[in-house]
mmCIF file of all heavy atoms, coordinates in Angstrom:
data_MODEL
# 
_entry.id   MODEL 
# 
loop_
_atom_site.group_PDB 
_atom_site.id 
_atom_site.type_symbol 
_atom_site.label_atom_id 
_atom_site.label_alt_id 
_atom_site.label_comp_id 
_atom_site.label_asym_id 
_atom_site.label_entity_id 
_atom_site.label_seq_id 
_atom_site.pdbx_PDB_ins_code 
_atom_site.Cartn_x 
_atom_site.Cartn_y 
_atom_site.Cartn_z 
_atom_site.occupancy 
_atom_site.B_iso_or_equiv 
_atom_site.pdbx_formal_charge 
_atom_site.auth_seq_id 
_atom_site.auth_comp_id 
_atom_site.auth_asym_id 
_atom_site.auth_atom_id 
_atom_site.pdbx_PDB_model_num 
ATOM 1   N N   . VAL A 1 1  ? 61.572 201.926 25.772 1.00 0.00 ? 1  VAL A N   1 
ATOM 2   C CA  . VAL A 1 1  ? 62.014 200.532 25.733 1.00 0.00 ? 1  VAL A CA  1 
ATOM 3   C C   . VAL A 1 1  ? 63.015 200.259 26.851 1.00 0.00 ? 1  VAL A C   1 
ATOM 4   O O   . VAL A 1 1  ? 62.974 199.223 27.512 1.00 0.00 ? 1  VAL A O   1 
ATOM 5   C CB  . VAL A 1 1  ? 62.586 200.179 24.354 1.00 0.00 ? 1  VAL A CB  1 
ATOM 6   C CG1 . VAL A 1 1  ? 63.304 198.851 24.364 1.00 0.00 ? 1  VAL A CG1 1 
ATOM 7   C CG2 . VAL A 1 1  ? 61.482 200.179 23.292 1.00 0.00 ? 1  VAL A CG2 1 
ATOM 8   N N   . ALA A 1 2  ? 63.919 201.210 27.110 1.00 0.00 ? 2  ALA A N   1 
ATOM 9   C CA  . ALA A 1 2  ? 64.900 201.048 28.191 1.00 0.00 ? 2  ALA A CA  1 
ATOM 10  C C   . ALA A 1 2  ? 64.188 200.859 29.531 1.00 0.00 ? 2  ALA A C   1 
ATOM 11  O O   . ALA A 1 2  ? 64.632 200.067 30.366 1.00 0.00 ? 2  ALA A O   1 
ATOM 12  C CB  . ALA A 1 2  ? 65.845 202.250 28.241 1.00 0.00 ? 2  ALA A CB  1 
ATOM 13  N N   . GLY A 1 3  ? 63.095 201.556 29.734 1.00 0.00 ? 3  GLY A N   1 
ATOM 14  C CA  . GLY A 1 3  ? 62.311 201.385 30.955 1.00 0.00 ? 3  GLY A CA  1 
ATOM 15  C C   . GLY A 1 3  ? 61.803 199.960 31.083 1.00 0.00 ? 3  GLY A C   1 
ATOM 16  O O   . GLY A 1 3  ? 61.788 199.380 32.175 1.00 0.00 ? 3  GLY A O   1 
ATOM 17  N N   . LEU A 1 4  ? 61.382 199.373 29.953 1.00 0.00 ? 4  LEU A N   1 
ATOM 18  C CA  . LEU A 1 4  ? 60.934 197.987 29.975 1.00 0.00 ? 4  LEU A CA  1 
ATOM 19  C C   . LEU A 1 4  ? 62.089 197.035 30.240 1.00 0.00 ? 4  LEU A C   1 
ATOM 20  O O   . LEU A 1 4  ? 61.924 196.021 30.922 1.00 0.00 ? 4  LEU A O   1 
ATOM 21  C CB  . LEU A 1 4  ? 60.234 197.638 28.660 1.00 0.00 ? 4  LEU A CB  1 
ATOM 22  C CG  . LEU A 1 4  ? 58.920 198.366 28.409 1.00 0.00 ? 4  LEU A CG  1 
ATOM 23  C CD1 . LEU A 1 4  ? 58.385 198.058 27.018 1.00 0.00 ? 4  LEU A CD1 1 
ATOM 24  C CD2 . LEU A 1 4  ? 57.890 198.044 29.477 1.00 0.00 ? 4  LEU A CD2 1 
ATOM 25  N N   . PHE A 1 5  ? 63.268 197.352 29.695 1.00 0.00 ? 5  PHE A N   1 
ATOM 26  C CA  . PHE A 1 5  ? 64.449 196.536 29.980 1.00 0.00 ? 5  PHE A CA  1 
ATOM 27  C C   . PHE A 1 5  ? 64.707 196.523 31.486 1.00 0.00 ? 5  PHE A C   1 
ATOM 28  O O   . PHE A 1 5  ? 65.006 195.481 32.076 1.00 0.00 ? 5  PHE A O   1 
ATOM 29  C CB  . PHE A 1 5  ? 65.684 197.065 29.262 1.00 0.00 ? 5  PHE A CB  1 
ATOM 30  C CG  . PHE A 1 5  ? 65.673 196.934 27.772 1.00 0.00 ? 5  PHE A CG  1 
ATOM 31  C CD1 . PHE A 1 5  ? 66.502 197.730 26.996 1.00 0.00 ? 5  PHE A CD1 1 
ATOM 32  C CD2 . PHE A 1 5  ? 64.881 196.009 27.105 1.00 0.00 ? 5  PHE A CD2 1 
ATOM 33  C CE1 . PHE A 1 5  ? 66.546 197.623 25.622 1.00 0.00 ? 5  PHE A CE1 1 
ATOM 34  C CE2 . PHE A 1 5  ? 64.898 195.895 25.730 1.00 0.00 ? 5  PHE A CE2 1 
ATOM 35  C CZ  . PHE A 1 5  ? 65.733 196.696 24.977 1.00 0.00 ? 5  PHE A CZ  1 
ATOM 36  N N   . GLU A 1 6  ? 64.618 197.700 32.112 1.00 0.00 ? 6  GLU A N   1 
ATOM 37  C CA  . GLU A 1 6  ? 64.873 197.805 33.548 1.00 0.00 ? 6  GLU A CA  1 
ATOM 38  C C   . GLU A 1 6  ? 63.895 196.973 34.345 1.00 0.00 ? 6  GLU A C   1 
ATOM 39  O O   . GLU A 1 6  ? 64.261 196.369 35.354 1.00 0.00 ? 6  GLU A O   1 
ATOM 40  C CB  . GLU A 1 6  ? 64.815 199.269 33.982 1.00 0.00 ? 6  GLU A CB  1 
ATOM 41  C CG  . GLU A 1 6  ? 65.971 200.087 33.472 1.00 0.00 ? 6  GLU A CG  1 
ATOM 42  C CD  . GLU A 1 6  ? 65.823 201.573 33.749 1.00 0.00 ? 6  GLU A CD  1 
ATOM 43  O OE1 . GLU A 1 6  ? 64.827 201.987 34.373 1.00 0.00 ? 6  GLU A OE1 1 
ATOM 44  O OE2 . GLU A 1 6  ? 66.718 202.323 33.316 1.00 0.00 ? 6  GLU A OE2 1 
ATOM 45  N N   . GLN A 1 7  ? 62.637 196.944 33.899 1.00 0.00 ? 7  GLN A N   1 
ATOM 46  C CA  . GLN A 1 7  ? 61.622 196.144 34.594 1.00 0.00 ? 7  GLN A CA  1 
ATOM 47  C C   . GLN A 1 7  ? 61.858 194.658 34.419 1.00 0.00 ? 7  GLN A C   1 
ATOM 48  O O   . GLN A 1 7  ? 61.516 193.856 35.302 1.00 0.00 ? 7  GLN A O   1 
ATOM 49  C CB  . GLN A 1 7  ? 60.225 196.492 34.093 1.00 0.00 ? 7  GLN A CB  1 
ATOM 50  C CG  . GLN A 1 7  ? 59.787 197.887 34.459 1.00 0.00 ? 7  GLN A CG  1 
ATOM 51  C CD  . GLN A 1 7  ? 58.457 198.242 33.821 1.00 0.00 ? 7  GLN A CD  1 
ATOM 52  O OE1 . GLN A 1 7  ? 57.707 197.374 33.378 1.00 0.00 ? 7  GLN A OE1 1 
ATOM 53  N NE2 . GLN A 1 7  ? 58.151 199.528 33.770 1.00 0.00 ? 7  GLN A NE2 1 
ATOM 54  N N   . GLY A 1 8  ? 62.442 194.277 33.285 1.00 0.00 ? 8  GLY A N   1 
ATOM 55  C CA  . GLY A 1 8  ? 62.778 192.887 33.025 1.00 0.00 ? 8  GLY A CA  1 
ATOM 56  C C   . GLY A 1 8  ? 61.599 191.953 32.876 1.00 0.00 ? 8  GLY A C   1 
ATOM 57  O O   . GLY A 1 8  ? 61.719 190.755 33.106 1.00 0.00 ? 8  GLY A O   1 
ATOM 58  N N   . CYS A 1 9  ? 60.445 192.485 32.495 1.00 0.00 ? 9  CYS A N   1 
ATOM 59  C CA  . CYS A 1 9  ? 59.243 191.652 32.485 1.00 0.00 ? 9  CYS A CA  1 
ATOM 60  C C   . CYS A 1 9  ? 58.825 191.186 31.082 1.00 0.00 ? 9  CYS A C   1 
ATOM 61  O O   . CYS A 1 9  ? 57.941 190.340 30.973 1.00 0.00 ? 9  CYS A O   1 
ATOM 62  C CB  . CYS A 1 9  ? 58.093 192.400 33.136 1.00 0.00 ? 9  CYS A CB  1 
ATOM 63  S SG  . CYS A 1 9  ? 57.711 193.971 32.349 1.00 0.00 ? 9  CYS A SG  1 
ATOM 64  N N   . LEU A 1 10 ? 59.434 191.699 30.032 1.00 0.00 ? 10 LEU A N   1 
ATOM 65  C CA  . LEU A 1 10 ? 59.027 191.346 28.666 1.00 0.00 ? 10 LEU A CA  1 
ATOM 66  C C   . LEU A 1 10 ? 60.212 190.836 27.850 1.00 0.00 ? 10 LEU A C   1 
ATOM 67  O O   . LEU A 1 10 ? 61.338 191.293 28.024 1.00 0.00 ? 10 LEU A O   1 
ATOM 68  C CB  . LEU A 1 10 ? 58.409 192.549 27.947 1.00 0.00 ? 10 LEU A CB  1 
ATOM 69  C CG  . LEU A 1 10 ? 57.123 193.123 28.531 1.00 0.00 ? 10 LEU A CG  1 
ATOM 70  C CD1 . LEU A 1 10 ? 56.728 194.384 27.782 1.00 0.00 ? 10 LEU A CD1 1 
ATOM 71  C CD2 . LEU A 1 10 ? 55.999 192.114 28.482 1.00 0.00 ? 10 LEU A CD2 1 
ATOM 72  N N   . SER A 1 11 ? 59.934 189.921 26.950 1.00 0.00 ? 11 SER A N   1 
ATOM 73  C CA  . SER A 1 11 ? 60.966 189.421 26.041 1.00 0.00 ? 11 SER A CA  1 
ATOM 74  C C   . SER A 1 11 ? 61.192 190.416 24.898 1.00 0.00 ? 11 SER A C   1 
ATOM 75  O O   . SER A 1 11 ? 60.375 191.323 24.685 1.00 0.00 ? 11 SER A O   1 
ATOM 76  C CB  . SER A 1 11 ? 60.536 188.072 25.452 1.00 0.00 ? 11 SER A CB  1 
ATOM 77  O OG  . SER A 1 11 ? 59.454 188.265 24.552 1.00 0.00 ? 11 SER A OG  1 
ATOM 78  N N   . ASP A 1 12 ? 62.252 190.209 24.162 1.00 0.00 ? 12 ASP A N   1 
ATOM 79  C CA  . ASP A 1 12 ? 62.508 191.060 22.995 1.00 0.00 ? 12 ASP A CA  1 
ATOM 80  C C   . ASP A 1 12 ? 61.367 190.998 21.996 1.00 0.00 ? 12 ASP A C   1 
ATOM 81  O O   . ASP A 1 12 ? 60.958 192.004 21.431 1.00 0.00 ? 12 ASP A O   1 
ATOM 82  C CB  . ASP A 1 12 ? 63.813 190.654 22.307 1.00 0.00 ? 12 ASP A CB  1 
ATOM 83  C CG  . ASP A 1 12 ? 65.052 190.966 23.152 1.00 0.00 ? 12 ASP A CG  1 
ATOM 84  O OD1 . ASP A 1 12 ? 64.915 191.613 24.206 1.00 0.00 ? 12 ASP A OD1 1 
ATOM 85  O OD2 . ASP A 1 12 ? 66.148 190.547 22.734 1.00 0.00 ? 12 ASP A OD2 1 
ATOM 86  N N   . ALA A 1 13 ? 60.816 189.809 21.799 1.00 0.00 ? 13 ALA A N   1 
ATOM 87  C CA  . ALA A 1 13 ? 59.708 189.639 20.858 1.00 0.00 ? 13 ALA A CA  1 
ATOM 88  C C   . ALA A 1 13 ? 58.467 190.403 21.322 1.00 0.00 ? 13 ALA A C   1 
ATOM 89  O O   . ALA A 1 13 ? 57.789 191.058 20.514 1.00 0.00 ? 13 ALA A O   1 
ATOM 90  C CB  . ALA A 1 13 ? 59.376 188.166 20.675 1.00 0.00 ? 13 ALA A CB  1 
ATOM 91  N N   . GLN A 1 14 ? 58.187 190.352 22.624 1.00 0.00 ? 14 GLN A N   1 
ATOM 92  C CA  . GLN A 1 14 ? 57.025 191.063 23.155 1.00 0.00 ? 14 GLN A CA  1 
ATOM 93  C C   . GLN A 1 14 ? 57.191 192.576 23.010 1.00 0.00 ? 14 GLN A C   1 
ATOM 94  O O   . GLN A 1 14 ? 56.250 193.279 22.636 1.00 0.00 ? 14 GLN A O   1 
ATOM 95  C CB  . GLN A 1 14 ? 56.810 190.695 24.616 1.00 0.00 ? 14 GLN A CB  1 
ATOM 96  C CG  . GLN A 1 14 ? 56.343 189.277 24.815 1.00 0.00 ? 14 GLN A CG  1 
ATOM 97  C CD  . GLN A 1 14 ? 56.379 188.862 26.268 1.00 0.00 ? 14 GLN A CD  1 
ATOM 98  O OE1 . GLN A 1 14 ? 57.348 189.122 26.982 1.00 0.00 ? 14 GLN A OE1 1 
ATOM 99  N NE2 . GLN A 1 14 ? 55.324 188.209 26.719 1.00 0.00 ? 14 GLN A NE2 1 
ATOM 100 N N   . ILE A 1 15 ? 58.378 193.080 23.290 1.00 0.00 ? 15 ILE A N   1 
ATOM 101 C CA  . ILE A 1 15 ? 58.660 194.509 23.141 1.00 0.00 ? 15 ILE A CA  1 
ATOM 102 C C   . ILE A 1 15 ? 58.563 194.891 21.681 1.00 0.00 ? 15 ILE A C   1 
ATOM 103 O O   . ILE A 1 15 ? 57.967 195.927 21.338 1.00 0.00 ? 15 ILE A O   1 
ATOM 104 C CB  . ILE A 1 15 ? 60.022 194.868 23.736 1.00 0.00 ? 15 ILE A CB  1 
ATOM 105 C CG1 . ILE A 1 15 ? 60.010 194.683 25.255 1.00 0.00 ? 15 ILE A CG1 1 
ATOM 106 C CG2 . ILE A 1 15 ? 60.416 196.294 23.366 1.00 0.00 ? 15 ILE A CG2 1 
ATOM 107 C CD1 . ILE A 1 15 ? 61.368 194.782 25.920 1.00 0.00 ? 15 ILE A CD1 1 
ATOM 108 N N   . GLY A 1 16 ? 59.098 194.076 20.786 1.00 0.00 ? 16 GLY A N   1 
ATOM 109 C CA  . GLY A 1 16 ? 59.026 194.349 19.362 1.00 0.00 ? 16 GLY A CA  1 
ATOM 110 C C   . GLY A 1 16 ? 57.592 194.469 18.878 1.00 0.00 ? 16 GLY A C   1 
ATOM 111 O O   . GLY A 1 16 ? 57.259 195.394 18.124 1.00 0.00 ? 16 GLY A O   1 
ATOM 112 N N   . ARG A 1 17 ? 56.736 193.556 19.309 1.00 0.00 ? 17 ARG A N   1 
ATOM 113 C CA  . ARG A 1 17 ? 55.327 193.629 18.917 1.00 0.00 ? 17 ARG A CA  1 
ATOM 114 C C   . ARG A 1 17 ? 54.665 194.887 19.467 1.00 0.00 ? 17 ARG A C   1 
ATOM 115 O O   . ARG A 1 17 ? 53.901 195.558 18.764 1.00 0.00 ? 17 ARG A O   1 
ATOM 116 C CB  . ARG A 1 17 ? 54.568 192.389 19.397 1.00 0.00 ? 17 ARG A CB  1 
ATOM 117 C CG  . ARG A 1 17 ? 54.826 191.172 18.533 1.00 0.00 ? 17 ARG A CG  1 
ATOM 118 C CD  . ARG A 1 17 ? 53.879 190.026 18.869 1.00 0.00 ? 17 ARG A CD  1 
ATOM 119 N NE  . ARG A 1 17 ? 54.046 189.523 20.227 1.00 0.00 ? 17 ARG A NE  1 
ATOM 120 C CZ  . ARG A 1 17 ? 54.899 188.579 20.591 1.00 0.00 ? 17 ARG A CZ  1 
ATOM 121 N NH1 . ARG A 1 17 ? 55.714 188.046 19.693 1.00 0.00 ? 17 ARG A NH1 1 
ATOM 122 N NH2 . ARG A 1 17 ? 54.950 188.166 21.839 1.00 0.00 ? 17 ARG A NH2 1 
ATOM 123 N N   . ARG A 1 18 ? 54.980 195.225 20.700 1.00 0.00 ? 18 ARG A N   1 
ATOM 124 C CA  . ARG A 1 18 ? 54.359 196.399 21.325 1.00 0.00 ? 18 ARG A CA  1 
ATOM 125 C C   . ARG A 1 18 ? 54.718 197.682 20.589 1.00 0.00 ? 18 ARG A C   1 
ATOM 126 O O   . ARG A 1 18 ? 53.875 198.557 20.421 1.00 0.00 ? 18 ARG A O   1 
ATOM 127 C CB  . ARG A 1 18 ? 54.812 196.509 22.789 1.00 0.00 ? 18 ARG A CB  1 
ATOM 128 C CG  . ARG A 1 18 ? 54.212 197.711 23.497 1.00 0.00 ? 18 ARG A CG  1 
ATOM 129 C CD  . ARG A 1 18 ? 54.631 197.779 24.924 1.00 0.00 ? 18 ARG A CD  1 
ATOM 130 N NE  . ARG A 1 18 ? 53.902 196.780 25.685 1.00 0.00 ? 18 ARG A NE  1 
ATOM 131 C CZ  . ARG A 1 18 ? 53.905 196.731 27.016 1.00 0.00 ? 18 ARG A CZ  1 
ATOM 132 N NH1 . ARG A 1 18 ? 54.595 197.604 27.711 1.00 0.00 ? 18 ARG A NH1 1 
ATOM 133 N NH2 . ARG A 1 18 ? 53.223 195.796 27.648 1.00 0.00 ? 18 ARG A NH2 1 
ATOM 134 N N   . PHE A 1 19 ? 55.958 197.786 20.119 1.00 0.00 ? 19 PHE A N   1 
ATOM 135 C CA  . PHE A 1 19 ? 56.411 199.023 19.475 1.00 0.00 ? 19 PHE A CA  1 
ATOM 136 C C   . PHE A 1 19 ? 56.510 198.903 17.955 1.00 0.00 ? 19 PHE A C   1 
ATOM 137 O O   . PHE A 1 19 ? 56.990 199.824 17.289 1.00 0.00 ? 19 PHE A O   1 
ATOM 138 C CB  . PHE A 1 19 ? 57.772 199.437 20.060 1.00 0.00 ? 19 PHE A CB  1 
ATOM 139 C CG  . PHE A 1 19 ? 57.650 199.890 21.479 1.00 0.00 ? 19 PHE A CG  1 
ATOM 140 C CD1 . PHE A 1 19 ? 57.901 199.006 22.517 1.00 0.00 ? 19 PHE A CD1 1 
ATOM 141 C CD2 . PHE A 1 19 ? 57.266 201.180 21.781 1.00 0.00 ? 19 PHE A CD2 1 
ATOM 142 C CE1 . PHE A 1 19 ? 57.769 199.421 23.843 1.00 0.00 ? 19 PHE A CE1 1 
ATOM 143 C CE2 . PHE A 1 19 ? 57.141 201.596 23.096 1.00 0.00 ? 19 PHE A CE2 1 
ATOM 144 C CZ  . PHE A 1 19 ? 57.392 200.716 24.125 1.00 0.00 ? 19 PHE A CZ  1 
ATOM 145 N N   . ARG A 1 20 ? 56.091 197.760 17.429 1.00 0.00 ? 20 ARG A N   1 
ATOM 146 C CA  . ARG A 1 20 ? 56.077 197.523 15.984 1.00 0.00 ? 20 ARG A CA  1 
ATOM 147 C C   . ARG A 1 20 ? 57.473 197.676 15.355 1.00 0.00 ? 20 ARG A C   1 
ATOM 148 O O   . ARG A 1 20 ? 57.673 198.371 14.362 1.00 0.00 ? 20 ARG A O   1 
ATOM 149 C CB  . ARG A 1 20 ? 55.082 198.435 15.286 1.00 0.00 ? 20 ARG A CB  1 
ATOM 150 C CG  . ARG A 1 20 ? 53.662 198.177 15.703 1.00 0.00 ? 20 ARG A CG  1 
ATOM 151 C CD  . ARG A 1 20 ? 52.717 199.066 14.991 1.00 0.00 ? 20 ARG A CD  1 
ATOM 152 N NE  . ARG A 1 20 ? 51.355 198.750 15.428 1.00 0.00 ? 20 ARG A NE  1 
ATOM 153 C CZ  . ARG A 1 20 ? 50.318 199.477 15.148 1.00 0.00 ? 20 ARG A CZ  1 
ATOM 154 N NH1 . ARG A 1 20 ? 50.445 200.554 14.400 1.00 0.00 ? 20 ARG A NH1 1 
ATOM 155 N NH2 . ARG A 1 20 ? 49.146 199.131 15.580 1.00 0.00 ? 20 ARG A NH2 1 
ATOM 156 N N   . VAL A 1 21 ? 58.415 197.025 16.002 1.00 0.00 ? 21 VAL A N   1 
ATOM 157 C CA  . VAL A 1 21 ? 59.784 196.960 15.478 1.00 0.00 ? 21 VAL A CA  1 
ATOM 158 C C   . VAL A 1 21 ? 60.207 195.498 15.510 1.00 0.00 ? 21 VAL A C   1 
ATOM 159 O O   . VAL A 1 21 ? 59.581 194.669 16.168 1.00 0.00 ? 21 VAL A O   1 
ATOM 160 C CB  . VAL A 1 21 ? 60.775 197.835 16.295 1.00 0.00 ? 21 VAL A CB  1 
ATOM 161 C CG1 . VAL A 1 21 ? 60.407 199.299 16.233 1.00 0.00 ? 21 VAL A CG1 1 
ATOM 162 C CG2 . VAL A 1 21 ? 60.864 197.361 17.727 1.00 0.00 ? 21 VAL A CG2 1 
ATOM 163 N N   . SER A 1 22 ? 61.273 195.183 14.817 1.00 0.00 ? 22 SER A N   1 
ATOM 164 C CA  . SER A 1 22 ? 61.722 193.785 14.780 1.00 0.00 ? 22 SER A CA  1 
ATOM 165 C C   . SER A 1 22 ? 62.332 193.365 16.112 1.00 0.00 ? 22 SER A C   1 
ATOM 166 O O   . SER A 1 22 ? 62.865 194.185 16.867 1.00 0.00 ? 22 SER A O   1 
ATOM 167 C CB  . SER A 1 22 ? 62.729 193.580 13.660 1.00 0.00 ? 22 SER A CB  1 
ATOM 168 O OG  . SER A 1 22 ? 63.961 194.173 14.003 1.00 0.00 ? 22 SER A OG  1 
ATOM 169 N N   . ARG A 1 23 ? 62.245 192.054 16.354 1.00 0.00 ? 23 ARG A N   1 
ATOM 170 C CA  . ARG A 1 23 ? 62.865 191.501 17.550 1.00 0.00 ? 23 ARG A CA  1 
ATOM 171 C C   . ARG A 1 23 ? 64.370 191.750 17.541 1.00 0.00 ? 23 ARG A C   1 
ATOM 172 O O   . ARG A 1 23 ? 64.985 192.017 18.564 1.00 0.00 ? 23 ARG A O   1 
ATOM 173 C CB  . ARG A 1 23 ? 62.572 189.997 17.622 1.00 0.00 ? 23 ARG A CB  1 
ATOM 174 C CG  . ARG A 1 23 ? 63.191 189.310 18.819 1.00 0.00 ? 23 ARG A CG  1 
ATOM 175 C CD  . ARG A 1 23 ? 63.083 187.806 18.741 1.00 0.00 ? 23 ARG A CD  1 
ATOM 176 N NE  . ARG A 1 23 ? 63.692 187.247 17.541 1.00 0.00 ? 23 ARG A NE  1 
ATOM 177 C CZ  . ARG A 1 23 ? 65.003 187.034 17.374 1.00 0.00 ? 23 ARG A CZ  1 
ATOM 178 N NH1 . ARG A 1 23 ? 65.843 187.341 18.341 1.00 0.00 ? 23 ARG A NH1 1 
ATOM 179 N NH2 . ARG A 1 23 ? 65.476 186.523 16.260 1.00 0.00 ? 23 ARG A NH2 1 
ATOM 180 N N   . MET A 1 24 ? 64.970 191.691 16.343 1.00 0.00 ? 24 MET A N   1 
ATOM 181 C CA  . MET A 1 24 ? 66.423 191.910 16.240 1.00 0.00 ? 24 MET A CA  1 
ATOM 182 C C   . MET A 1 24 ? 66.782 193.352 16.605 1.00 0.00 ? 24 MET A C   1 
ATOM 183 O O   . MET A 1 24 ? 67.831 193.577 17.215 1.00 0.00 ? 24 MET A O   1 
ATOM 184 C CB  . MET A 1 24 ? 66.904 191.570 14.841 1.00 0.00 ? 24 MET A CB  1 
ATOM 185 C CG  . MET A 1 24 ? 66.859 190.067 14.545 1.00 0.00 ? 24 MET A CG  1 
ATOM 186 S SD  . MET A 1 24 ? 67.729 189.068 15.782 1.00 0.00 ? 24 MET A SD  1 
ATOM 187 C CE  . MET A 1 24 ? 69.388 189.623 15.533 1.00 0.00 ? 24 MET A CE  1 
ATOM 188 N N   . SER A 1 25 ? 65.940 194.314 16.246 1.00 0.00 ? 25 SER A N   1 
ATOM 189 C CA  . SER A 1 25 ? 66.215 195.704 16.667 1.00 0.00 ? 25 SER A CA  1 
ATOM 190 C C   . SER A 1 25 ? 66.190 195.815 18.179 1.00 0.00 ? 25 SER A C   1 
ATOM 191 O O   . SER A 1 25 ? 67.052 196.433 18.800 1.00 0.00 ? 25 SER A O   1 
ATOM 192 C CB  . SER A 1 25 ? 65.184 196.662 16.057 1.00 0.00 ? 25 SER A CB  1 
ATOM 193 O OG  . SER A 1 25 ? 65.398 196.796 14.681 1.00 0.00 ? 25 SER A OG  1 
# 
C-alpha cells in the first residue's frame, strides 16, 4: 500500500477495494 501512496495514483477508496480493507484503514 505504501508503494501505491508513493505513486499517488489511487484514492483511499480505490486502495481499500483492491486490498479488501476499509477506506478508513
